[in-house]
Amino acid sequence: MRTRLTLTALLALTGAAAAAPTTLTVFMGSQQRPEIFQPIFDRFEKQNPNIRVRIETGGATSEAQNQYLTTVLAARDPSLDLFLIDVVRTATFAAAGWAEPLDAYLPNKSVYLKAFLKGPLSAATVDGKLYAMPAFTDAQFLYYRKDLLAKYGAKVPKTWDELAATAARIQKAEGGNLQGFNFQGAPIEGTVCNFLETLWGAGGNAQKVDSPAGRQGLGFLVNAVKTKLAPAASSEMKTDDSRQQFQAGNVLFGLNWSYAWAHFQGNSPQPTQVKGQVGVAPLPAFSKNPSATCTGGWQWAVSAYSKNKAAAAKLVQFMASTDVQREMAVKGAYLPVRASLYNDRAVLAANPHFKDLYRIVTAARPRPVTPAYPRVSEIIRNNVSAAVAGSKTVDAALKDMQRDLDGVLK
């Protein structure tokens, strides 16, 4: 009898263990609006009763998040199952062996991926293998106050010189603390993009920053601070600082990513003073050069050290589904990675500008693609921030940037 009870107890314990749900730990940045993702994860759990999803948040910038992930993954820690990584980091994670290739989890890979935009897919692919699933794409745009331009009979600027002239005129007329132009100048990834966009808009490229194009691009950002078009503290300005200041009604022209739109329209923890007054346009350029913006966005990567890779890959595919992509676009103004959604009625009702932005998104330019990108980013952002702060001249910043980039971009 004692043996039978022991066997029964063992069977009960075995059954309980078999029925225990798998818990996936998902890491994302605190600025990536976990409140948008939580209801989606809840729906995934209902469809998959044997899987639970737990969100772990940390880091308000791409750099802070990357630092944390690097620490966890370098230690081969299995505590994280999947995580969002900046679009520029996939090659680095693949080279380090931290991201699980997803090809084996997509039996009809070529058919499945046909619906995706080419840019995000290219960023997620290294040496022909898919190391991440595009979560949402992005680009930087020029946000502007429609009401203020209309008040002064001003047009949306197509060149940086037009922007400076318009901003100075309206700032003077409005008085007060209105910023004519807001950009990111802190040593963060957004600053890399702001510099590259002005460099490209002057006809330059990242391989030759110490050039007339480099001086024109960086010189414009530095001069914007000197002439008080931009805040004196621009060298400390981070992406979400820019968003909040525009949202508070303090900015005429601002550079930011697509996520800012939903905040401006009132889908935000902070109150908005600009609902219905915001326009979106391509970034200006210099002279007759074409407008250029950075490819942005984030990717879902499955940890190579996860003990729940199949379940994590299942969640990744769910997050890339049409329904989820639509919900993220409607509720969070995230730019979809599925091309069809740029003509979707619900998406366009929430984001009327998405239809016009499609051509900008598909023409966006990548930052240098290299496993050494963290070093590339560090070189650019630190030198740009120093120039904006006035601790380096434009010429010195570009010379230092070129010297160090030459050692990395071979």
Protein backbone atom coordinates (compact mmCIF):
# COMPACT_ATOMS: atom_id res chain seq x y z
CA MET A 1 0.00 0.00 0.00
CA ARG A 2 2.85 2.34 0.87
CA THR A 3 4.51 1.60 -2.49
CA ARG A 4 1.24 2.30 -4.34
CA LEU A 5 0.81 5.64 -2.56
CA THR A 6 4.37 6.61 -3.38
CA LEU A 7 3.87 5.68 -7.02
CA THR A 8 0.60 7.63 -7.14
CA ALA A 9 2.31 10.63 -5.62
CA LEU A 10 5.11 10.40 -8.14
CA LEU A 11 2.66 10.20 -11.03
CA ALA A 12 0.78 13.21 -9.68
CA LEU A 13 3.98 15.17 -9.40
CA THR A 14 5.01 14.17 -12.90
CA GLY A 15 1.64 15.23 -14.28
CA ALA A 16 1.82 18.54 -12.49
CA ALA A 17 5.30 19.17 -13.86
CA ALA A 18 4.15 18.33 -17.38
CA ALA A 19 1.24 20.73 -17.05
CA ALA A 20 3.36 23.59 -15.71
CA PRO A 21 3.32 26.47 -18.22
CA THR A 22 6.44 27.77 -19.90
CA THR A 23 7.30 31.31 -18.83
CA LEU A 24 8.95 33.53 -21.42
CA THR A 25 10.86 36.54 -20.13
CA VAL A 26 10.81 39.38 -22.64
CA PHE A 27 13.17 42.32 -22.29
CA MET A 28 12.41 45.75 -23.74
CA GLY A 29 13.31 49.34 -23.02
CA SER A 30 11.26 51.43 -20.65
CA GLN A 31 10.66 53.97 -23.44
CA GLN A 32 9.17 51.33 -25.75
CA ARG A 33 5.77 51.58 -24.15
CA PRO A 34 5.25 48.20 -22.44
CA GLU A 35 1.61 49.23 -21.92
CA ILE A 36 1.09 48.83 -25.70
CA PHE A 37 2.67 45.36 -25.67
CA GLN A 38 1.04 43.95 -22.53
CA PRO A 39 -2.50 43.48 -23.98
CA ILE A 40 -0.95 41.78 -27.02
CA PHE A 41 1.00 39.39 -24.81
CA ASP A 42 -2.20 38.72 -22.83
CA ARG A 43 -3.95 37.71 -26.04
CA PHE A 44 -1.05 35.41 -26.97
CA GLU A 45 -1.38 33.71 -23.58
CA LYS A 46 -5.09 33.06 -24.16
CA GLN A 47 -4.30 31.45 -27.50
CA ASN A 48 -1.44 29.46 -25.93
CA PRO A 49 -2.55 28.43 -22.39
CA ASN A 50 0.73 26.59 -21.79
CA ILE A 51 2.84 29.76 -22.24
CA ARG A 52 3.14 32.75 -19.95
CA VAL A 53 4.87 36.01 -20.89
CA ARG A 54 6.68 38.20 -18.40
CA ILE A 55 7.98 41.65 -19.36
CA GLU A 56 11.27 42.92 -17.99
CA THR A 57 12.04 46.56 -18.71
CA GLY A 58 15.19 48.60 -18.39
CA GLY A 59 17.21 51.34 -20.02
CA ALA A 60 15.75 54.53 -21.44
CA THR A 61 18.07 54.55 -24.47
CA SER A 62 19.33 52.08 -27.04
CA GLU A 63 22.80 52.33 -25.49
CA ALA A 64 21.58 51.55 -21.95
CA GLN A 65 19.56 48.57 -23.16
CA ASN A 66 22.48 47.25 -25.18
CA GLN A 67 24.80 47.56 -22.21
CA TYR A 68 22.45 45.44 -20.08
CA LEU A 69 21.93 42.81 -22.77
CA THR A 70 25.66 42.60 -23.42
CA THR A 71 26.27 41.88 -19.73
CA VAL A 72 23.56 39.20 -19.55
CA LEU A 73 24.45 37.44 -22.80
CA ALA A 74 28.22 37.56 -22.35
CA ALA A 75 27.62 35.58 -19.16
CA ARG A 76 25.53 33.02 -21.14
CA ASP A 77 22.68 33.77 -18.76
CA PRO A 78 19.47 31.93 -19.81
CA SER A 79 17.16 34.21 -17.80
CA LEU A 80 16.04 36.19 -20.88
CA ASP A 81 14.22 34.35 -23.66
CA LEU A 82 13.76 37.13 -26.18
CA PHE A 83 14.43 40.82 -26.41
CA LEU A 84 14.08 43.87 -28.59
CA ILE A 85 17.32 45.09 -30.16
CA ASP A 86 17.99 48.22 -32.15
CA VAL A 87 18.07 47.59 -35.89
CA VAL A 88 21.80 48.41 -35.98
CA ARG A 89 22.75 45.69 -33.50
CA THR A 90 21.71 42.49 -35.28
CA ALA A 91 25.10 41.94 -36.95
CA THR A 92 26.88 42.38 -33.62
CA PHE A 93 24.59 39.92 -31.81
CA ALA A 94 24.93 37.39 -34.63
CA ALA A 95 28.73 37.63 -34.64
CA ALA A 96 28.84 37.17 -30.86
CA GLY A 97 26.60 34.09 -31.05
CA TRP A 98 23.95 35.68 -28.82
CA ALA A 99 20.99 35.54 -31.20
CA GLU A 100 19.38 32.26 -32.24
CA PRO A 101 18.94 31.92 -36.04
CA LEU A 102 15.21 31.73 -36.76
CA ASP A 103 15.31 29.95 -40.12
CA ALA A 104 14.56 26.52 -38.65
CA TYR A 105 11.39 27.87 -37.01
CA LEU A 106 10.01 29.12 -40.36
CA PRO A 107 9.32 26.06 -42.55
CA ASN A 108 8.15 28.27 -45.44
CA LYS A 109 10.59 31.10 -44.83
CA SER A 110 10.73 32.50 -48.37
CA VAL A 111 6.93 32.60 -48.69
CA TYR A 112 6.39 33.93 -45.16
CA LEU A 113 8.81 36.81 -45.54
CA LYS A 114 7.49 38.06 -48.90
CA ALA A 115 4.98 40.27 -47.09
CA PHE A 116 7.72 42.18 -45.22
CA LEU A 117 9.48 45.39 -46.19
CA LYS A 118 12.94 44.75 -47.61
CA GLY A 119 14.79 47.22 -45.36
CA PRO A 120 13.86 45.65 -42.01
CA LEU A 121 14.46 42.16 -43.41
CA SER A 122 17.93 43.10 -44.65
CA ALA A 123 18.76 44.49 -41.23
CA ALA A 124 17.62 41.23 -39.59
CA THR A 125 19.64 39.02 -41.94
CA VAL A 126 23.34 38.22 -41.61
CA ASP A 127 25.15 35.99 -44.11
CA GLY A 128 21.83 34.71 -45.43
CA LYS A 129 20.46 33.70 -42.03
CA LEU A 130 17.56 35.41 -40.25
CA TYR A 131 18.88 36.32 -36.81
CA ALA A 132 15.93 38.47 -35.77
CA MET A 133 12.30 39.14 -36.66
CA PRO A 134 11.43 42.72 -37.57
CA ALA A 135 9.20 44.16 -34.82
CA PHE A 136 8.57 47.59 -36.31
CA THR A 137 10.46 49.79 -38.70
CA ASP A 138 11.17 53.47 -38.38
CA ALA A 139 12.77 56.55 -39.84
CA GLN A 140 13.29 60.08 -38.65
CA PHE A 141 10.94 62.79 -39.89
CA LEU A 142 10.51 66.53 -39.59
CA TYR A 143 7.62 67.29 -37.25
CA TYR A 144 6.29 70.84 -37.45
CA ARG A 145 3.57 73.02 -36.01
CA LYS A 146 0.93 73.45 -38.73
CA ASP A 147 -0.84 76.17 -36.78
CA LEU A 148 2.27 78.34 -36.43
CA LEU A 149 3.27 77.97 -40.08
CA ALA A 150 -0.27 78.93 -41.11
CA LYS A 151 -0.30 81.89 -38.72
CA TYR A 152 2.80 83.37 -40.36
CA GLY A 153 2.12 82.23 -43.93
CA ALA A 154 5.20 80.00 -43.93
CA LYS A 155 5.79 76.86 -45.99
CA VAL A 156 7.20 73.56 -44.85
CA PRO A 157 10.97 73.91 -45.45
CA LYS A 158 12.66 71.71 -48.03
CA THR A 159 16.18 72.86 -47.22
CA TRP A 160 17.98 73.32 -43.92
CA ASP A 161 18.60 76.97 -44.79
CA GLU A 162 14.86 77.50 -45.30
CA LEU A 163 14.20 75.84 -41.94
CA ALA A 164 16.68 78.14 -40.18
CA ALA A 165 15.22 81.28 -41.78
CA THR A 166 11.60 80.29 -41.05
CA ALA A 167 12.40 79.26 -37.48
CA ALA A 168 14.23 82.51 -36.75
CA ARG A 169 11.35 84.61 -38.12
CA ILE A 170 8.64 82.81 -36.16
CA GLN A 171 10.71 82.64 -32.97
CA LYS A 172 11.17 86.41 -33.08
CA ALA A 173 7.49 87.05 -33.73
CA GLU A 174 6.25 84.63 -31.06
CA GLY A 175 8.73 85.63 -28.38
CA GLY A 176 8.76 83.60 -25.19
CA ASN A 177 10.59 80.27 -25.00
CA LEU A 178 9.62 78.77 -28.36
CA GLN A 179 12.39 76.57 -29.76
CA GLY A 180 12.83 77.08 -33.48
CA PHE A 181 14.50 73.70 -33.95
CA ASN A 182 14.94 70.68 -31.69
CA PHE A 183 17.31 67.78 -32.39
CA GLN A 184 19.20 65.15 -30.40
CA GLY A 185 22.75 66.07 -29.41
CA ALA A 186 23.39 63.84 -26.39
CA PRO A 187 25.87 60.98 -26.90
CA ILE A 188 23.10 58.56 -28.00
CA GLU A 189 22.07 56.72 -31.15
CA GLY A 190 19.59 59.42 -32.20
CA THR A 191 22.51 61.85 -32.43
CA VAL A 192 24.30 59.51 -34.82
CA CYS A 193 21.24 59.65 -37.05
CA ASN A 194 20.84 63.42 -36.84
CA PHE A 195 24.45 63.87 -37.95
CA LEU A 196 24.27 61.29 -40.76
CA GLU A 197 21.06 62.85 -42.06
CA THR A 198 22.65 66.28 -42.37
CA LEU A 199 25.84 64.68 -43.79
CA TRP A 200 23.84 62.76 -46.41
CA GLY A 201 21.70 65.83 -47.08
CA ALA A 202 24.91 67.68 -47.97
CA GLY A 203 25.92 64.92 -50.40
CA GLY A 204 28.37 63.14 -48.08
CA ASN A 205 28.83 59.61 -46.75
CA ALA A 206 29.89 57.94 -43.51
CA GLN A 207 33.24 56.79 -44.91
CA LYS A 208 34.39 60.39 -45.42
CA VAL A 209 33.08 62.56 -42.60
CA ASP A 210 36.02 65.00 -42.60
CA SER A 211 34.80 66.65 -45.76
CA PRO A 212 32.92 69.73 -46.97
CA ALA A 213 29.68 67.76 -46.54
CA GLY A 214 30.64 66.84 -42.98
CA ARG A 215 31.44 70.45 -42.13
CA GLN A 216 28.17 71.65 -43.63
CA GLY A 217 26.09 69.02 -41.81
CA LEU A 218 27.71 69.20 -38.37
CA GLY A 219 28.18 72.95 -38.76
CA PHE A 220 24.43 73.38 -39.19
CA LEU A 221 23.66 71.55 -35.93
CA VAL A 222 26.32 73.48 -34.02
CA ASN A 223 25.23 76.81 -35.50
CA ALA A 224 21.60 76.11 -34.58
CA VAL A 225 22.66 76.17 -30.93
CA LYS A 226 24.91 79.20 -31.33
CA THR A 227 22.12 81.23 -32.96
CA LYS A 228 19.60 80.05 -30.35
CA LEU A 229 17.35 78.29 -32.86
CA ALA A 230 18.00 75.18 -30.75
CA PRO A 231 18.26 74.98 -26.95
CA ALA A 232 21.56 75.72 -25.24
CA ALA A 233 21.35 72.25 -23.66
CA SER A 234 21.08 70.44 -27.02
CA SER A 235 24.23 68.42 -26.25
CA GLU A 236 22.19 66.73 -23.49
CA MET A 237 19.01 66.29 -25.55
CA LYS A 238 17.80 62.68 -25.82
CA THR A 239 15.08 61.36 -28.13
CA ASP A 240 12.27 61.33 -25.61
CA ASP A 241 13.31 64.71 -24.26
CA SER A 242 12.71 66.05 -27.77
CA ARG A 243 9.34 64.35 -27.91
CA GLN A 244 8.17 65.72 -24.59
CA GLN A 245 9.27 69.27 -25.36
CA PHE A 246 7.48 69.26 -28.71
CA GLN A 247 4.41 67.74 -27.07
CA ALA A 248 4.38 70.52 -24.49
CA GLY A 249 4.02 73.07 -27.29
CA ASN A 250 7.56 74.43 -26.98
CA VAL A 251 8.97 73.51 -30.43
CA LEU A 252 8.34 74.72 -33.99
CA PHE A 253 10.42 72.15 -35.93
CA GLY A 254 11.65 68.89 -34.41
CA LEU A 255 13.44 65.74 -35.55
CA ASN A 256 11.98 62.51 -34.21
CA TRP A 257 10.86 58.98 -34.95
CA SER A 258 7.38 57.73 -35.84
CA TYR A 259 6.43 56.82 -32.24
CA ALA A 260 6.15 60.52 -31.38
CA TRP A 261 2.98 60.95 -33.45
CA ALA A 262 0.72 58.94 -31.11
CA HIS A 263 2.04 60.92 -28.13
CA PHE A 264 1.36 64.22 -29.89
CA GLN A 265 -2.23 63.17 -30.60
CA GLY A 266 -2.95 62.34 -26.94
CA ASN A 267 -2.11 58.61 -26.68
CA SER A 268 0.51 59.39 -24.08
CA PRO A 269 1.15 59.37 -20.32
CA GLN A 270 1.86 63.10 -20.52
CA PRO A 271 -0.70 65.74 -21.60
CA THR A 272 -0.34 67.12 -25.12
CA GLN A 273 -0.67 70.73 -26.18
CA VAL A 274 -0.35 70.03 -29.92
CA LYS A 275 -3.12 67.58 -30.80
CA GLY A 276 -4.34 68.26 -34.33
CA GLN A 277 -1.64 70.89 -34.88
CA VAL A 278 1.24 68.67 -36.02
CA GLY A 279 2.45 68.04 -39.55
CA VAL A 280 5.02 65.49 -40.74
CA ALA A 281 7.40 65.93 -43.67
CA PRO A 282 10.63 64.52 -45.14
CA LEU A 283 13.80 65.89 -43.63
CA PRO A 284 15.26 68.95 -45.37
CA ALA A 285 18.51 68.76 -47.32
CA PHE A 286 21.14 71.26 -48.45
CA SER A 287 20.75 72.96 -51.81
CA LYS A 288 19.37 70.53 -54.39
CA ASN A 289 20.54 67.34 -52.69
CA PRO A 290 17.82 64.74 -52.00
CA SER A 291 16.33 64.35 -48.54
CA ALA A 292 17.84 61.49 -46.55
CA THR A 293 16.73 59.79 -43.35
CA CYS A 294 18.07 56.92 -41.24
CA THR A 295 16.57 53.45 -41.28
CA GLY A 296 15.42 52.78 -37.77
CA GLY A 297 13.26 50.30 -35.95
CA TRP A 298 13.68 47.35 -33.64
CA GLN A 299 13.96 43.59 -34.03
CA TRP A 300 12.87 40.63 -31.93
CA ALA A 301 15.81 38.37 -31.14
CA VAL A 302 15.62 35.00 -29.41
CA SER A 303 18.43 34.38 -26.95
CA ALA A 304 20.86 31.68 -27.99
CA TYR A 305 20.90 30.67 -24.30
CA SER A 306 17.13 30.46 -23.82
CA LYS A 307 15.73 27.16 -22.61
CA ASN A 308 12.42 27.94 -24.35
CA LYS A 309 13.49 28.71 -27.91
CA ALA A 310 10.52 27.11 -29.69
CA ALA A 311 8.00 28.98 -27.54
CA ALA A 312 9.96 32.22 -27.97
CA ALA A 313 10.02 31.76 -31.75
CA LYS A 314 6.26 31.21 -31.68
CA LEU A 315 5.75 34.50 -29.83
CA VAL A 316 8.05 36.30 -32.27
CA GLN A 317 5.94 35.14 -35.22
CA PHE A 318 2.78 36.19 -33.41
CA MET A 319 4.21 39.68 -32.89
CA ALA A 320 4.95 39.92 -36.61
CA SER A 321 1.42 38.87 -37.63
CA THR A 322 -0.82 41.24 -39.58
CA ASP A 323 -3.29 41.70 -36.71
CA VAL A 324 -0.61 42.55 -34.17
CA GLN A 325 1.21 44.85 -36.56
CA ARG A 326 -2.09 46.65 -37.22
CA GLU A 327 -2.78 47.05 -33.48
CA MET A 328 0.70 48.43 -32.81
CA ALA A 329 0.30 50.94 -35.63
CA VAL A 330 -3.15 52.07 -34.48
CA LYS A 331 -2.41 52.31 -30.77
CA GLY A 332 1.28 53.23 -30.75
CA ALA A 333 1.99 54.77 -34.19
CA TYR A 334 4.62 52.09 -34.81
CA LEU A 335 5.51 51.84 -38.51
CA PRO A 336 4.53 48.32 -39.68
CA VAL A 337 7.00 45.91 -41.22
CA ARG A 338 4.26 44.50 -43.48
CA ALA A 339 3.84 46.53 -46.68
CA SER A 340 0.08 45.93 -46.98
CA LEU A 341 -0.66 47.86 -43.78
CA TYR A 342 0.37 51.18 -45.32
CA ASN A 343 -2.96 51.03 -47.18
CA ASP A 344 -4.95 49.62 -44.27
CA ARG A 345 -8.08 51.60 -43.40
CA ALA A 346 -7.71 51.35 -39.61
CA VAL A 347 -4.01 52.18 -39.72
CA LEU A 348 -4.55 55.25 -41.90
CA ALA A 349 -7.48 56.45 -39.79
CA ALA A 350 -5.13 56.58 -36.78
CA ASN A 351 -2.08 57.72 -38.76
CA PRO A 352 -3.14 59.60 -41.92
CA HIS A 353 0.49 60.47 -42.67
CA PHE A 354 1.58 56.81 -42.99
CA LYS A 355 0.51 56.62 -46.63
CA ASP A 356 2.73 59.58 -47.54
CA LEU A 357 5.57 58.36 -45.33
CA TYR A 358 5.76 54.98 -47.05
CA ARG A 359 8.10 56.25 -49.76
CA ILE A 360 10.32 57.90 -47.13
CA VAL A 361 10.51 54.73 -45.06
CA THR A 362 11.35 52.53 -48.03
CA ALA A 363 14.05 54.96 -49.19
CA ALA A 364 15.66 55.36 -45.75
CA ARG A 365 19.40 54.76 -45.60
CA PRO A 366 21.14 52.35 -43.22
CA ARG A 367 23.84 53.32 -40.80
CA PRO A 368 27.15 51.50 -41.44
CA VAL A 369 26.46 47.75 -41.31
CA THR A 370 29.25 46.06 -39.39
CA PRO A 371 29.70 43.81 -36.32
CA ALA A 372 31.84 46.68 -35.00
CA TYR A 373 28.90 49.08 -35.10
CA PRO A 374 28.92 49.79 -31.34
CA ARG A 375 32.38 51.33 -31.79
CA VAL A 376 31.26 53.23 -34.92
CA SER A 377 28.30 54.66 -33.02
CA GLU A 378 30.48 55.64 -30.05
CA ILE A 379 32.92 57.51 -32.28
CA ILE A 380 30.22 59.49 -34.08
CA ARG A 381 27.93 60.30 -31.18
CA ASN A 382 30.69 61.38 -28.79
CA ASN A 383 32.32 63.71 -31.31
CA VAL A 384 29.02 65.20 -32.47
CA SER A 385 27.89 65.78 -28.90
CA ALA A 386 31.21 67.43 -28.05
CA ALA A 387 30.89 69.78 -31.04
CA VAL A 388 27.30 70.66 -30.14
CA ALA A 389 28.41 71.35 -26.55
CA GLY A 390 31.20 73.59 -27.79
CA SER A 391 33.98 71.55 -26.19
CA LYS A 392 35.34 70.72 -29.67
CA THR A 393 35.34 72.76 -32.83
CA VAL A 394 33.55 71.33 -35.85
CA ASP A 395 36.89 70.77 -37.61
CA ALA A 396 38.44 69.02 -34.59
CA ALA A 397 35.38 66.80 -34.08
CA LEU A 398 35.38 65.73 -37.73
CA LYS A 399 39.12 65.07 -37.81
CA ASP A 400 38.93 62.94 -34.65
CA MET A 401 35.87 61.17 -36.00
CA GLN A 402 37.58 60.40 -39.32
CA ARG A 403 40.76 59.14 -37.67
CA ASP A 404 38.89 56.71 -35.43
CA LEU A 405 36.42 55.58 -38.09
CA ASP A 406 39.29 54.78 -40.45
CA GLY A 407 40.43 52.21 -37.92
CA VAL A 408 37.04 50.50 -37.87
CA LEU A 409 35.43 50.96 -41.30
CA LYS A 410 38.01 49.31 -43.53
